[in-house]
C-alpha atoms as a PDB file:
ATOM      1  CA  MET A   1      88.121 302.590 162.080  1.00  0.00           C
ATOM      2  CA  PHE A   2      85.781 305.042 160.326  1.00  0.00           C
ATOM      3  CA  GLU A   3      82.116 305.283 159.592  1.00  0.00           C
ATOM      4  CA  SER A   4      80.467 307.271 156.819  1.00  0.00           C
ATOM      5  CA  GLU A   5      76.890 308.393 157.237  1.00  0.00           C
ATOM      6  CA  PHE A   6      74.817 310.096 154.536  1.00  0.00           C
ATOM      7  CA  THR A   7      72.122 312.453 155.728  1.00  0.00           C
ATOM      8  CA  GLY A   8      70.327 314.660 153.261  1.00  0.00           C
ATOM      9  CA  MET A   9      72.627 316.776 151.131  1.00  0.00           C
ATOM     10  CA  SER A  10      75.749 316.444 153.302  1.00  0.00           C
ATOM     11  CA  ASP A  11      78.201 313.667 154.077  1.00  0.00           C
ATOM     12  CA  HIS A  12      79.516 313.128 157.583  1.00  0.00           C
ATOM     13  CA  LEU A  13      82.613 311.103 158.289  1.00  0.00           C
ATOM     14  CA  THR A  14      83.456 310.013 161.799  1.00  0.00           C
ATOM     15  CA  LEU A  15      87.049 308.988 162.488  1.00  0.00           C
ATOM     16  CA  GLU A  16      88.700 307.542 165.531  1.00  0.00           C
ATOM     17  CA  LEU A  17      92.254 308.883 165.606  1.00  0.00           C
ATOM     18  CA  SER A  18      95.137 308.213 167.916  1.00  0.00           C
ATOM     19  CA  THR A  19      96.933 311.195 169.418  1.00  0.00           C
ATOM     20  CA  GLU A  20      99.802 310.627 166.994  1.00  0.00           C
ATOM     21  CA  GLN A  21      97.467 310.547 163.986  1.00  0.00           C
ATOM     22  CA  ARG A  22      95.719 313.740 165.140  1.00  0.00           C
ATOM     23  CA  GLU A  23      99.066 315.504 165.569  1.00  0.00           C
ATOM     24  CA  THR A  24     100.118 314.381 162.084  1.00  0.00           C
ATOM     25  CA  LEU A  25      96.929 315.830 160.583  1.00  0.00           C
ATOM     26  CA  LEU A  26      97.365 319.090 162.501  1.00  0.00           C
ATOM     27  CA  ARG A  27     100.978 319.365 161.294  1.00  0.00           C
ATOM     28  CA  GLY A  28      99.744 318.830 157.722  1.00  0.00           C
ATOM     29  CA  LEU A  29      97.086 321.527 158.148  1.00  0.00           C
ATOM     30  CA  ARG A  30      99.773 323.963 159.328  1.00  0.00           C
ATOM     31  CA  TYR A  31     101.651 323.198 156.107  1.00  0.00           C
ATOM     32  CA  VAL A  32      98.496 323.781 154.047  1.00  0.00           C
ATOM     33  CA  ARG A  33      97.907 327.094 155.859  1.00  0.00           C
ATOM     34  CA  SER A  34     101.475 328.194 155.081  1.00  0.00           C
ATOM     35  CA  SER A  35     101.016 327.165 151.463  1.00  0.00           C
ATOM     36  CA  ILE A  36      97.860 329.275 151.176  1.00  0.00           C
ATOM     37  CA  MET A  37      99.595 332.266 152.750  1.00  0.00           C
ATOM     38  CA  LEU A  38     102.677 331.971 150.513  1.00  0.00           C
ATOM     39  CA  THR A  39     100.878 331.488 147.185  1.00  0.00           C
ATOM     40  CA  PRO A  40     102.083 334.340 144.956  1.00  0.00           C
ATOM     41  CA  GLU A  41      99.088 336.208 143.573  1.00  0.00           C
ATOM     42  CA  GLU A  42      98.302 339.769 142.622  1.00  0.00           C
ATOM     43  CA  PRO A  43      96.906 341.573 145.642  1.00  0.00           C
ATOM     44  CA  SER A  44      93.240 342.320 145.100  1.00  0.00           C
ATOM     45  CA  ASP A  45      90.045 342.209 147.100  1.00  0.00           C
ATOM     46  CA  ALA A  46      88.960 339.010 145.342  1.00  0.00           C
ATOM     47  CA  VAL A  47      92.287 337.278 146.066  1.00  0.00           C
ATOM     48  CA  ALA A  48      92.162 338.376 149.709  1.00  0.00           C
ATOM     49  CA  ALA A  49      88.573 337.131 150.068  1.00  0.00           C
ATOM     50  CA  GLY A  50      89.440 333.768 148.514  1.00  0.00           C
ATOM     51  CA  ARG A  51      92.483 333.416 150.737  1.00  0.00           C
ATOM     52  CA  ARG A  52      90.416 334.254 153.839  1.00  0.00           C
ATOM     53  CA  ALA A  53      87.826 331.637 152.847  1.00  0.00           C
ATOM     54  CA  GLU A  54      90.486 328.949 152.380  1.00  0.00           C
ATOM     55  CA  LEU A  55      92.159 329.878 155.670  1.00  0.00           C
ATOM     56  CA  GLN A  56      88.799 329.675 157.434  1.00  0.00           C
ATOM     57  CA  LYS A  57      88.321 326.135 156.130  1.00  0.00           C
ATOM     58  CA  VAL A  58      91.751 325.122 157.415  1.00  0.00           C
ATOM     59  CA  ALA A  59      91.101 326.811 160.770  1.00  0.00           C
ATOM     60  CA  ALA A  60      87.757 325.020 161.102  1.00  0.00           C
ATOM     61  CA  LEU A  61      89.367 321.639 160.455  1.00  0.00           C
ATOM     62  CA  SER A  62      92.145 322.373 162.943  1.00  0.00           C
ATOM     63  CA  GLU A  63      89.649 323.433 165.573  1.00  0.00           C
ATOM     64  CA  MET A  64      87.591 320.286 165.006  1.00  0.00           C
ATOM     65  CA  LEU A  65      90.690 318.145 165.501  1.00  0.00           C
ATOM     66  CA  ASN A  66      91.552 320.088 168.649  1.00  0.00           C
ATOM     67  CA  GLY A  67      88.021 319.697 169.974  1.00  0.00           C
ATOM     68  CA  GLN A  68      87.423 323.459 170.013  1.00  0.00           C
ATOM     69  CA  SER A  69      84.438 325.384 168.750  1.00  0.00           C
ATOM     70  CA  VAL A  70      84.857 326.792 165.252  1.00  0.00           C
ATOM     71  CA  ALA A  71      85.640 330.521 165.160  1.00  0.00           C
ATOM     72  CA  GLU A  72      83.836 332.894 162.837  1.00  0.00           C
ATOM     73  CA  LYS A  73      86.968 334.202 161.087  1.00  0.00           C
ATOM     74  CA  ALA A  74      90.508 332.965 160.544  1.00  0.00           C
ATOM     75  CA  SER A  75      93.374 335.350 161.131  1.00  0.00           C
ATOM     76  CA  ILE A  76      95.567 336.083 158.151  1.00  0.00           C
END
């Protein structure tokens, strides 16, 4: 079902997912995105930068699951 390959300093994991499994993961990523957005924190530049970085990671994973190219920035 999955294969892990180690190359250099990074790990790559290849998964074969059914459409239902992919949709489940995407639904979970939407929940994670909402959680990041709703985390109560003092507004500051550092908090905003950290939030943008986390949202970018979630967006990149979502785009990979959708078979799209990864965008440079996630919208907040």
